[in-house]
Structures are given as C-alpha cells and as structure tokens.
Protein backbone atom coordinates (compact mmCIF):
# COMPACT_ATOMS: atom_id res chain seq x y z
CA MET A 1 220.71 -75.43 -8.34
CA THR A 2 219.38 -78.89 -10.31
CA VAL A 3 217.71 -78.53 -13.61
CA ILE A 4 214.56 -81.13 -13.02
CA GLY A 5 212.29 -82.00 -15.95
CA PHE A 6 208.96 -83.59 -15.14
CA ILE A 7 207.45 -86.09 -17.71
CA GLY A 8 203.63 -85.83 -17.19
CA GLY A 9 204.40 -82.97 -14.92
CA THR A 10 200.84 -81.32 -15.44
CA GLY A 11 199.37 -84.26 -13.15
CA ALA A 12 198.74 -83.90 -9.26
CA GLU A 13 202.00 -85.42 -8.60
CA GLY A 14 204.20 -83.83 -10.69
CA VAL A 15 203.05 -80.46 -10.05
CA GLY A 16 203.36 -81.01 -6.33
CA LEU A 17 206.89 -81.98 -6.86
CA ALA A 18 207.85 -79.39 -9.19
CA ILE A 19 206.49 -76.91 -6.58
CA ARG A 20 208.71 -78.36 -3.89
CA PHE A 21 211.83 -78.20 -5.76
CA ALA A 22 211.03 -74.70 -7.10
CA ARG A 23 210.76 -73.55 -3.22
CA VAL A 24 214.00 -74.48 -2.66
CA GLY A 25 215.63 -73.03 -5.66
CA ASP A 26 215.72 -75.55 -8.45
CA ARG A 27 214.49 -74.74 -12.10
CA VAL A 28 211.61 -77.01 -13.11
CA LEU A 29 210.61 -78.04 -16.61
CA ILE A 30 206.97 -79.09 -16.84
CA GLY A 31 206.56 -81.61 -19.87
CA SER A 32 203.38 -82.07 -21.22
CA ARG A 33 202.10 -83.26 -24.89
CA SER A 34 199.86 -80.36 -24.42
CA GLU A 35 201.54 -76.58 -24.47
CA GLU A 36 198.27 -75.12 -22.95
CA ARG A 37 198.36 -77.67 -19.84
CA ALA A 38 202.18 -77.18 -19.50
CA ASN A 39 201.41 -73.30 -19.11
CA GLU A 40 198.52 -73.83 -16.64
CA ALA A 41 200.85 -76.29 -14.48
CA VAL A 42 203.52 -73.45 -14.57
CA ALA A 43 200.86 -70.79 -13.26
CA ARG A 44 199.79 -73.28 -10.68
CA ILE A 45 203.34 -73.55 -9.54
CA LYS A 46 203.82 -69.77 -9.56
CA GLU A 47 200.86 -69.48 -7.54
CA GLN A 48 202.55 -71.20 -4.50
CA VAL A 49 206.11 -69.87 -5.77
CA PRO A 50 205.81 -66.84 -7.05
CA ASP A 51 209.55 -66.25 -7.87
CA ALA A 52 209.62 -69.90 -9.29
CA ASP A 53 212.23 -70.72 -12.16
CA ALA A 54 209.66 -72.87 -13.91
CA HIS A 55 208.77 -73.49 -17.55
CA GLY A 56 206.37 -75.53 -19.74
CA VAL A 57 207.90 -77.62 -22.54
CA PRO A 58 207.02 -80.47 -24.74
CA ASN A 59 208.21 -83.83 -22.89
CA PHE A 60 211.11 -84.29 -25.05
CA GLN A 61 212.59 -80.97 -24.26
CA ALA A 62 212.04 -81.38 -20.68
CA ALA A 63 213.92 -84.71 -20.86
CA GLU A 64 216.69 -83.12 -23.42
CA GLU A 65 217.57 -80.02 -21.03
CA SER A 66 217.23 -81.59 -17.48
CA GLU A 67 219.83 -82.93 -15.53
CA VAL A 68 217.36 -85.42 -13.42
CA ILE A 69 214.25 -86.67 -14.79
CA PHE A 70 210.93 -87.37 -12.67
CA LEU A 71 208.48 -89.54 -14.64
CA ALA A 72 204.80 -89.04 -13.04
CA VAL A 73 202.65 -90.34 -15.85
CA PRO A 74 199.56 -92.17 -15.34
CA PHE A 75 200.32 -96.22 -15.47
CA GLU A 76 198.49 -96.63 -18.62
CA ALA A 77 200.79 -94.10 -20.22
CA HIS A 78 204.03 -95.37 -18.86
CA SER A 79 205.62 -97.63 -21.58
CA SER A 80 204.41 -95.89 -24.25
CA THR A 81 205.72 -92.53 -22.88
CA LEU A 82 209.38 -94.34 -22.19
CA VAL A 83 209.46 -96.08 -25.72
CA GLU A 84 208.62 -92.29 -27.30
CA LEU A 85 211.17 -90.64 -25.29
CA GLU A 86 213.84 -92.86 -25.01
CA GLU A 87 216.47 -90.89 -27.09
CA SER A 88 215.61 -87.63 -25.03
CA ILE A 89 216.11 -89.38 -21.71
CA GLY A 90 219.29 -91.06 -22.71
CA ASP A 91 221.79 -92.00 -19.77
CA LYS A 92 220.19 -89.50 -17.32
CA VAL A 93 219.19 -90.13 -13.67
CA LEU A 94 215.34 -91.26 -14.32
CA ILE A 95 213.11 -91.04 -10.92
CA ASP A 96 210.13 -93.09 -11.63
CA VAL A 97 207.30 -92.53 -9.48
CA VAL A 98 204.40 -94.15 -11.18
CA VAL A 99 202.40 -96.37 -9.25
CA PRO A 100 200.70 -99.21 -11.40
CA MET A 101 197.31 -98.58 -9.75
CA GLU A 102 193.62 -98.76 -10.53
CA PHE A 103 190.42 -98.16 -8.68
CA GLY A 104 187.52 -100.19 -7.91
CA GLU A 105 184.32 -100.30 -5.58
CA ASP A 106 186.46 -101.25 -2.75
CA GLY A 107 189.29 -98.82 -3.20
CA ALA A 108 192.62 -98.89 -4.79
CA HIS A 109 194.55 -102.13 -6.29
CA LEU A 110 197.70 -102.69 -7.34
CA VAL A 111 198.04 -103.54 -10.97
CA PRO A 112 200.16 -106.56 -11.70
CA VAL A 113 203.27 -105.71 -13.94
CA GLU A 114 205.23 -108.36 -15.81
CA GLU A 115 208.61 -106.63 -15.53
CA GLY A 116 207.76 -107.05 -11.33
CA SER A 117 207.21 -103.06 -10.98
CA ALA A 118 206.81 -99.76 -13.12
CA ALA A 119 210.56 -99.03 -12.41
CA GLN A 120 211.70 -102.38 -13.60
CA GLN A 121 209.57 -101.71 -16.83
CA ALA A 122 211.24 -98.67 -17.14
CA ARG A 123 214.80 -99.90 -16.75
CA LEU A 124 214.18 -102.36 -19.86
CA LEU A 125 212.59 -99.79 -21.86
CA VAL A 126 215.09 -97.10 -21.54
CA PRO A 127 218.16 -99.14 -20.65
CA ARG A 128 220.53 -96.50 -20.58
CA ALA A 129 218.82 -94.33 -18.27
CA LYS A 130 219.78 -94.79 -14.49
CA VAL A 131 216.37 -95.52 -13.14
CA VAL A 132 215.34 -94.71 -9.65
CA SER A 133 212.19 -95.75 -7.85
CA GLY A 134 211.33 -93.13 -4.96
CA PHE A 135 208.85 -90.48 -3.83
CA GLN A 136 205.56 -92.37 -4.26
CA HIS A 137 204.69 -92.22 -0.63
CA LEU A 138 204.60 -88.34 -0.66
CA ASP A 139 200.47 -87.13 -0.95
CA ALA A 140 199.94 -84.95 -3.87
CA ALA A 141 197.56 -82.74 -2.18
CA LEU A 142 199.86 -81.78 0.90
CA LEU A 143 202.85 -81.58 -2.01
CA ARG A 144 200.95 -78.48 -3.26
CA GLN A 145 200.69 -76.89 -0.32
CA ALA A 146 204.19 -75.06 -0.37
CA SER A 147 204.02 -73.23 2.89
CA LYS A 148 203.24 -76.80 4.86
CA PRO A 149 206.27 -78.49 5.56
CA LEU A 150 206.49 -82.30 4.69
CA GLN A 151 206.98 -84.87 7.14
CA GLY A 152 208.01 -88.65 6.54
CA ASP A 153 210.79 -90.50 4.78
CA ILE A 154 211.59 -91.09 1.16
CA ILE A 155 212.66 -94.71 0.27
CA ILE A 156 214.82 -94.67 -2.77
CA CYS A 157 215.44 -97.86 -4.77
CA ALA A 158 218.13 -98.34 -7.16
CA ASP A 159 220.85 -100.33 -8.87
CA HIS A 160 223.19 -97.47 -9.84
CA LYS A 161 225.00 -96.11 -6.76
CA GLY A 162 225.58 -92.53 -8.01
CA ALA A 163 221.80 -92.33 -9.55
CA LYS A 164 220.55 -93.19 -6.07
CA LYS A 165 222.94 -90.95 -4.02
CA THR A 166 221.48 -88.35 -6.51
CA ALA A 167 217.85 -88.91 -5.74
CA MET A 168 218.48 -89.01 -1.96
CA ASP A 169 220.29 -85.87 -2.23
CA LEU A 170 217.22 -84.21 -4.08
CA ALA A 171 214.97 -85.77 -1.56
CA GLU A 172 216.67 -84.02 1.60
CA LYS A 173 216.43 -80.67 -0.06
CA LEU A 174 212.95 -80.90 0.84
CA GLU A 175 212.06 -79.96 4.55
CA TYR A 176 211.61 -82.46 7.41
CA VAL A 177 212.05 -85.13 5.03
CA ARG A 178 214.71 -87.43 5.06
CA ALA A 179 215.85 -90.13 2.52
CA LEU A 180 216.40 -93.91 3.09
CA ASP A 181 218.39 -96.20 0.99
CA GLY A 182 215.80 -98.92 0.18
CA GLY A 183 218.22 -101.33 -1.72
CA GLY A 184 218.10 -102.40 -5.35
CA LEU A 185 215.60 -101.85 -7.91
CA ASN A 186 213.89 -105.32 -7.53
CA ASN A 187 212.51 -103.52 -4.01
CA ALA A 188 210.77 -101.06 -6.22
CA HIS A 189 207.68 -103.40 -6.02
CA TYR A 190 207.04 -102.64 -2.43
CA LEU A 191 207.34 -99.43 -2.63
CA GLU A 192 204.56 -99.23 -5.37
CA ALA A 193 202.51 -101.60 -3.32
CA CYS A 194 202.97 -99.47 -0.23
CA ALA A 195 201.97 -96.24 -2.32
CA VAL A 196 198.42 -98.28 -2.78
CA LEU A 197 197.97 -98.88 0.47
CA LEU A 198 198.30 -95.36 1.60
CA VAL A 199 195.87 -94.37 -0.88
CA ASN A 200 193.53 -96.86 0.83
CA LEU A 201 194.32 -95.87 4.36
CA ASN A 202 193.95 -92.20 3.47
CA ARG A 203 190.71 -93.11 1.77
CA ILE A 204 189.33 -95.35 5.43
CA HIS A 205 190.57 -92.57 7.71
CA LYS A 206 190.20 -89.19 5.50
CA ALA A 207 193.92 -88.66 6.14
CA ARG A 208 196.99 -87.51 4.41
CA SER A 209 199.61 -89.80 5.78
CA SER A 210 203.45 -90.48 4.99
CA ILE A 211 205.63 -93.37 5.74
CA ARG A 212 208.16 -92.75 8.84
CA ILE A 213 210.78 -95.74 9.43
CA PHE A 214 211.76 -96.27 12.93
CA GLY A 215 214.88 -97.83 14.52
CA ILE A 216 217.08 -96.20 11.58
C-alpha cells in the first residue's frame, strides 16, 4: 500500500486518479483549501469504491502525510500552490499532471511556460522535490468509472531515476496500463502538448481517446 496525496484533489483528474488508486488498495488523501469540497470528493470516490481508504484533508496535510504527491491543480494555480506548499512537499516524489492549457472558440491551446513546461516550473519552485511528469493522457471521465479498465500507455519523464521508477510502478498498478520511460524532465513539454492534442481530438470526434505506443 502506498499513501498518495492529491493536491487539488477535488478536480476531475484528481478524483479520477484517486478512485483508481483506492481501487487497488492504496490510501488516498484528497487535499483542498476547502474542507467541504475535500469531503465531497471523498464521497464521490466511495460511490465508486465503497471500501476506499480515502480522506479529505487540507493541502498541506495531504503533502506532509503522503509518500507520493500528485499535483492536479489548474495551471493558473500551479505556481502559487507550489510556493505555498514547498516546505510540506519537501524532498518527496511530486508527480505533476498539470497541463498549461486554455480554451478558445477553436478548441484547446497550450499556454507557453517560461521554464519550458509545468513540470520544469515545478522543479524550480520546489527544488528539493523529486519532480516527475506523467499521467496527463488519461481521460478524467474514464478514470472516474472504476468498473471500466483503462487502456493505453502512461509516459513518465523525470531526471531522478528513483522517482521515475516510483511513478512507473504506480502507473502499472492500474489495470491494462503500461508505463513507458519518456526520458528526462525536458521532455515534459511534449507530454503536456500531446494532452492538449488529445483534448482537441476528443472534442472533434466525440471520443475518449488515450495513447498507445507501438513498436516498444
């Protein structure tokens, strides 16, 4: 069992990932600035996984009490959340699933990030943390349907080998999912951009697509 904290865990992606990890027996801590929203998220998790070891807590507590942290806040809250929680995060594995994205009349667009990607920004803001980029390509709606197996590959990018292995091991706890080593954190930009592409593909084709890499 792994204790996993979700910062911004009340959003669709955070709840979906928490459902999946609760389903395989991990303890999930749903972090939020609002106790009410955290408890509502826990209720949604237990609707899908009645025996889930899930708890709603403040963001700082989710960071402090977890072994691995998922960051799942909107990009506009990315930097401020990390600055606020730097001490609580410490030197833990931080899996950044944030995609810098905005929506216009013609669909989703990648927001330029000065550091190169959201994950690279995280590495600068919480320098002691072992930052990983990954899990961006899992559809939130499918994640929340616990009875349906996921399909696809989860590409993991990180500079810290131990943190990369931790993230890949977590990914492969999920049924029918394969983890792939995507290289260093400098490749996180491509993961984030590809997530935006998937959003647009899903909108155009009214689909719930994921990524599968062939030939590896």
